Amino acid sequence: MDTPRPGDELRACDLMARNFVSAAPEDTLGELAERMAEADSGSALVLEYGQLVGILTSRDIVHAVSERVHPSEARVRHWMTPDPATAPPDLPASEAARLMLQGSFHHLPVAEEGRPVGVLGLRAVTGVLTGLPGA
């Protein structure tokens, strides 16, 4: 985490996870689920040529399984959320929390010029804003 200057509000770049799981649209859900489980991650950023084109979360995988798709045949492109909301690195944490709550999502990609630099989790943001670790 970057260290904010005294008096500065925490920003997305201060709280984001810099290591994130990524996927290509043609990856299978099974391949991606394995990588997400190994990384203990609830989301993966979907990239084409380094540009963010979507996000796939554990909820999306559950939805796919409930539809009885086979994980070795289902492709990320069919189950991801295309063109997800993103945050610039300097977005105040309170604004990021508001964006995630209004949009009903728990993972917010942090991007610069369409390239992801991290992922901000709702739990991390609310934990800091409420003073409760891992809220």
C-alpha atoms as a PDB file:
ATOM      1  CA  MET A   1       0.000   0.000   0.000  1.00  0.00           C
ATOM      2  CA  ASP A   2       1.105   3.531  -0.699  1.00  0.00           C
ATOM      3  CA  THR A   3       1.376   5.703   2.394  1.00  0.00           C
ATOM      4  CA  PRO A   4      -0.921   8.722   2.245  1.00  0.00           C
ATOM      5  CA  ARG A   5       0.349  12.094   3.420  1.00  0.00           C
ATOM      6  CA  PRO A   6      -1.091  13.416   6.696  1.00  0.00           C
ATOM      7  CA  GLY A   7      -4.506  14.971   6.097  1.00  0.00           C
ATOM      8  CA  ASP A   8      -4.987  13.206   2.752  1.00  0.00           C
ATOM      9  CA  GLU A   9      -7.919  10.879   2.267  1.00  0.00           C
ATOM     10  CA  LEU A  10      -7.029   7.315   1.358  1.00  0.00           C
ATOM     11  CA  ARG A  11      -7.210   6.647  -2.365  1.00  0.00           C
ATOM     12  CA  ALA A  12      -7.865   3.561  -4.468  1.00  0.00           C
ATOM     13  CA  CYS A  13      -4.127   3.075  -5.046  1.00  0.00           C
ATOM     14  CA  ASP A  14      -3.556   3.020  -1.272  1.00  0.00           C
ATOM     15  CA  LEU A  15      -5.922   0.085  -0.759  1.00  0.00           C
ATOM     16  CA  MET A  16      -5.888  -1.882  -4.012  1.00  0.00           C
ATOM     17  CA  ALA A  17      -4.376  -5.320  -4.427  1.00  0.00           C
ATOM     18  CA  ARG A  18      -1.556  -4.966  -6.939  1.00  0.00           C
ATOM     19  CA  ASN A  19      -1.423  -8.715  -7.599  1.00  0.00           C
ATOM     20  CA  PHE A  20      -4.560  -9.858  -9.344  1.00  0.00           C
ATOM     21  CA  VAL A  21      -5.720 -12.845 -11.340  1.00  0.00           C
ATOM     22  CA  SER A  22      -6.101 -12.179 -15.037  1.00  0.00           C
ATOM     23  CA  ALA A  23      -7.719 -14.150 -17.817  1.00  0.00           C
ATOM     24  CA  ALA A  24      -8.204 -14.080 -21.553  1.00  0.00           C
ATOM     25  CA  PRO A  25     -11.735 -14.176 -22.982  1.00  0.00           C
ATOM     26  CA  GLU A  26     -11.046 -17.588 -24.552  1.00  0.00           C
ATOM     27  CA  ASP A  27      -9.966 -19.217 -21.256  1.00  0.00           C
ATOM     28  CA  THR A  28     -12.348 -21.801 -19.877  1.00  0.00           C
ATOM     29  CA  LEU A  29     -14.192 -21.294 -16.616  1.00  0.00           C
ATOM     30  CA  GLY A  30     -12.485 -24.404 -15.251  1.00  0.00           C
ATOM     31  CA  GLU A  31      -8.992 -23.049 -15.960  1.00  0.00           C
ATOM     32  CA  LEU A  32      -9.836 -19.705 -14.451  1.00  0.00           C
ATOM     33  CA  ALA A  33     -11.574 -21.173 -11.407  1.00  0.00           C
ATOM     34  CA  GLU A  34      -8.402 -23.144 -10.634  1.00  0.00           C
ATOM     35  CA  ARG A  35      -6.257 -19.999 -10.846  1.00  0.00           C
ATOM     36  CA  MET A  36      -8.701 -18.027  -8.713  1.00  0.00           C
ATOM     37  CA  ALA A  37      -8.744 -20.779  -6.086  1.00  0.00           C
ATOM     38  CA  GLU A  38      -4.925 -20.954  -6.014  1.00  0.00           C
ATOM     39  CA  ALA A  39      -4.741 -17.170  -5.527  1.00  0.00           C
ATOM     40  CA  ASP A  40      -7.670 -17.148  -3.058  1.00  0.00           C
ATOM     41  CA  SER A  41      -9.261 -14.478  -5.245  1.00  0.00           C
ATOM     42  CA  GLY A  42     -12.925 -13.672  -5.748  1.00  0.00           C
ATOM     43  CA  SER A  43     -12.402 -12.065  -9.144  1.00  0.00           C
ATOM     44  CA  ALA A  44     -10.314 -12.083 -12.294  1.00  0.00           C
ATOM     45  CA  LEU A  45      -9.718  -9.241 -14.716  1.00  0.00           C
ATOM     46  CA  VAL A  46     -10.261 -10.195 -18.345  1.00  0.00           C
ATOM     47  CA  LEU A  47      -7.636  -8.707 -20.646  1.00  0.00           C
ATOM     48  CA  GLU A  48      -7.075  -8.495 -24.381  1.00  0.00           C
ATOM     49  CA  TYR A  49      -3.681  -7.134 -25.437  1.00  0.00           C
ATOM     50  CA  GLY A  50      -3.229  -5.726 -21.917  1.00  0.00           C
ATOM     51  CA  GLN A  51      -6.499  -3.777 -22.021  1.00  0.00           C
ATOM     52  CA  LEU A  52      -9.304  -4.473 -19.571  1.00  0.00           C
ATOM     53  CA  VAL A  53     -12.331  -5.882 -21.403  1.00  0.00           C
ATOM     54  CA  GLY A  54     -14.220  -7.536 -18.551  1.00  0.00           C
ATOM     55  CA  ILE A  55     -14.316  -8.959 -15.058  1.00  0.00           C
ATOM     56  CA  LEU A  56     -15.375 -12.402 -13.940  1.00  0.00           C
ATOM     57  CA  THR A  57     -16.215 -13.080 -10.305  1.00  0.00           C
ATOM     58  CA  SER A  58     -16.892 -16.143  -8.211  1.00  0.00           C
ATOM     59  CA  ARG A  59     -20.583 -15.196  -8.428  1.00  0.00           C
ATOM     60  CA  ASP A  60     -20.379 -15.486 -12.218  1.00  0.00           C
ATOM     61  CA  ILE A  61     -18.894 -18.957 -11.896  1.00  0.00           C
ATOM     62  CA  VAL A  62     -21.673 -20.001  -9.504  1.00  0.00           C
ATOM     63  CA  HIS A  63     -24.229 -18.679 -11.980  1.00  0.00           C
ATOM     64  CA  ALA A  64     -22.613 -20.654 -14.810  1.00  0.00           C
ATOM     65  CA  VAL A  65     -22.598 -23.844 -12.726  1.00  0.00           C
ATOM     66  CA  SER A  66     -26.272 -23.308 -11.866  1.00  0.00           C
ATOM     67  CA  GLU A  67     -26.937 -23.188 -15.621  1.00  0.00           C
ATOM     68  CA  ARG A  68     -25.264 -26.610 -15.879  1.00  0.00           C
ATOM     69  CA  VAL A  69     -22.444 -25.506 -18.167  1.00  0.00           C
ATOM     70  CA  HIS A  70     -19.378 -27.713 -18.274  1.00  0.00           C
ATOM     71  CA  PRO A  71     -16.354 -25.841 -16.851  1.00  0.00           C
ATOM     72  CA  SER A  72     -14.002 -27.285 -19.468  1.00  0.00           C
ATOM     73  CA  GLU A  73     -16.192 -26.001 -22.302  1.00  0.00           C
ATOM     74  CA  ALA A  74     -17.631 -22.711 -21.027  1.00  0.00           C
ATOM     75  CA  ARG A  75     -15.591 -19.658 -22.016  1.00  0.00           C
ATOM     76  CA  VAL A  76     -14.900 -16.637 -19.881  1.00  0.00           C
ATOM     77  CA  ARG A  77     -16.202 -14.293 -22.619  1.00  0.00           C
ATOM     78  CA  HIS A  78     -19.736 -15.694 -22.206  1.00  0.00           C
ATOM     79  CA  TRP A  79     -19.903 -15.258 -18.433  1.00  0.00           C
ATOM     80  CA  MET A  80     -17.835 -12.135 -17.716  1.00  0.00           C
ATOM     81  CA  THR A  81     -19.212  -8.659 -17.166  1.00  0.00           C
ATOM     82  CA  PRO A  82     -17.951  -6.710 -20.177  1.00  0.00           C
ATOM     83  CA  ASP A  83     -16.604  -3.165 -19.827  1.00  0.00           C
ATOM     84  CA  PRO A  84     -16.761  -3.076 -16.025  1.00  0.00           C
ATOM     85  CA  ALA A  85     -16.730   0.138 -14.023  1.00  0.00           C
ATOM     86  CA  THR A  86     -13.189   1.171 -13.153  1.00  0.00           C
ATOM     87  CA  ALA A  87     -11.531   3.594 -10.777  1.00  0.00           C
ATOM     88  CA  PRO A  88      -8.550   5.821 -11.385  1.00  0.00           C
ATOM     89  CA  PRO A  89      -5.748   5.241  -8.871  1.00  0.00           C
ATOM     90  CA  ASP A  90      -6.384   8.608  -7.192  1.00  0.00           C
ATOM     91  CA  LEU A  91     -10.117   8.050  -6.584  1.00  0.00           C
ATOM     92  CA  PRO A  92     -10.896   8.682  -2.891  1.00  0.00           C
ATOM     93  CA  ALA A  93     -11.700   5.470  -1.009  1.00  0.00           C
ATOM     94  CA  SER A  94     -15.074   6.848   0.065  1.00  0.00           C
ATOM     95  CA  GLU A  95     -16.024   7.429  -3.589  1.00  0.00           C
ATOM     96  CA  ALA A  96     -14.882   3.931  -4.510  1.00  0.00           C
ATOM     97  CA  ALA A  97     -17.052   2.479  -1.739  1.00  0.00           C
ATOM     98  CA  ARG A  98     -20.038   4.524  -2.942  1.00  0.00           C
ATOM     99  CA  LEU A  99     -19.483   3.327  -6.527  1.00  0.00           C
ATOM    100  CA  MET A 100     -19.312  -0.329  -5.455  1.00  0.00           C
ATOM    101  CA  LEU A 101     -22.369  -0.094  -3.200  1.00  0.00           C
ATOM    102  CA  GLN A 102     -24.442   1.710  -5.834  1.00  0.00           C
ATOM    103  CA  GLY A 103     -23.425  -0.817  -8.485  1.00  0.00           C
ATOM    104  CA  SER A 104     -23.853  -3.832  -6.167  1.00  0.00           C
ATOM    105  CA  PHE A 105     -20.395  -5.223  -6.877  1.00  0.00           C
ATOM    106  CA  HIS A 106     -17.507  -6.179  -4.598  1.00  0.00           C
ATOM    107  CA  HIS A 107     -14.503  -5.861  -6.920  1.00  0.00           C
ATOM    108  CA  LEU A 108     -13.484  -2.642  -8.648  1.00  0.00           C
ATOM    109  CA  PRO A 109     -10.644  -2.684 -11.180  1.00  0.00           C
ATOM    110  CA  VAL A 110      -8.224   0.209 -10.801  1.00  0.00           C
ATOM    111  CA  ALA A 111      -6.991   1.246 -14.231  1.00  0.00           C
ATOM    112  CA  GLU A 112      -4.900   3.824 -16.021  1.00  0.00           C
ATOM    113  CA  GLU A 113      -5.643   4.356 -19.708  1.00  0.00           C
ATOM    114  CA  GLY A 114      -7.561   1.085 -19.897  1.00  0.00           C
ATOM    115  CA  ARG A 115      -4.751  -0.968 -18.358  1.00  0.00           C
ATOM    116  CA  PRO A 116      -5.424  -2.468 -14.941  1.00  0.00           C
ATOM    117  CA  VAL A 117      -2.974  -1.667 -12.164  1.00  0.00           C
ATOM    118  CA  GLY A 118      -4.893  -3.335  -9.333  1.00  0.00           C
ATOM    119  CA  VAL A 119      -8.224  -4.407  -7.893  1.00  0.00           C
ATOM    120  CA  LEU A 120     -10.017  -2.759  -5.024  1.00  0.00           C
ATOM    121  CA  GLY A 121     -12.177  -4.964  -2.818  1.00  0.00           C
ATOM    122  CA  LEU A 122     -15.240  -3.689  -1.001  1.00  0.00           C
ATOM    123  CA  ARG A 123     -14.122  -5.469   2.168  1.00  0.00           C
ATOM    124  CA  ALA A 124     -10.778  -3.617   2.169  1.00  0.00           C
ATOM    125  CA  VAL A 125     -12.419  -0.249   1.600  1.00  0.00           C
ATOM    126  CA  THR A 126     -15.167  -0.658   4.169  1.00  0.00           C
ATOM    127  CA  GLY A 127     -12.680  -2.067   6.666  1.00  0.00           C
ATOM    128  CA  VAL A 128     -10.550   1.062   6.456  1.00  0.00           C
ATOM    129  CA  LEU A 129     -13.481   3.484   6.359  1.00  0.00           C
ATOM    130  CA  THR A 130     -15.192   1.879   9.361  1.00  0.00           C
ATOM    131  CA  GLY A 131     -12.021   1.137  11.301  1.00  0.00           C
ATOM    132  CA  LEU A 132     -12.888  -2.574  11.338  1.00  0.00           C
ATOM    133  CA  PRO A 133     -10.176  -4.737   9.745  1.00  0.00           C
ATOM    134  CA  GLY A 134     -11.585  -7.039   7.090  1.00  0.00           C
ATOM    135  CA  ALA A 135     -15.104  -5.668   7.571  1.00  0.00           C
END
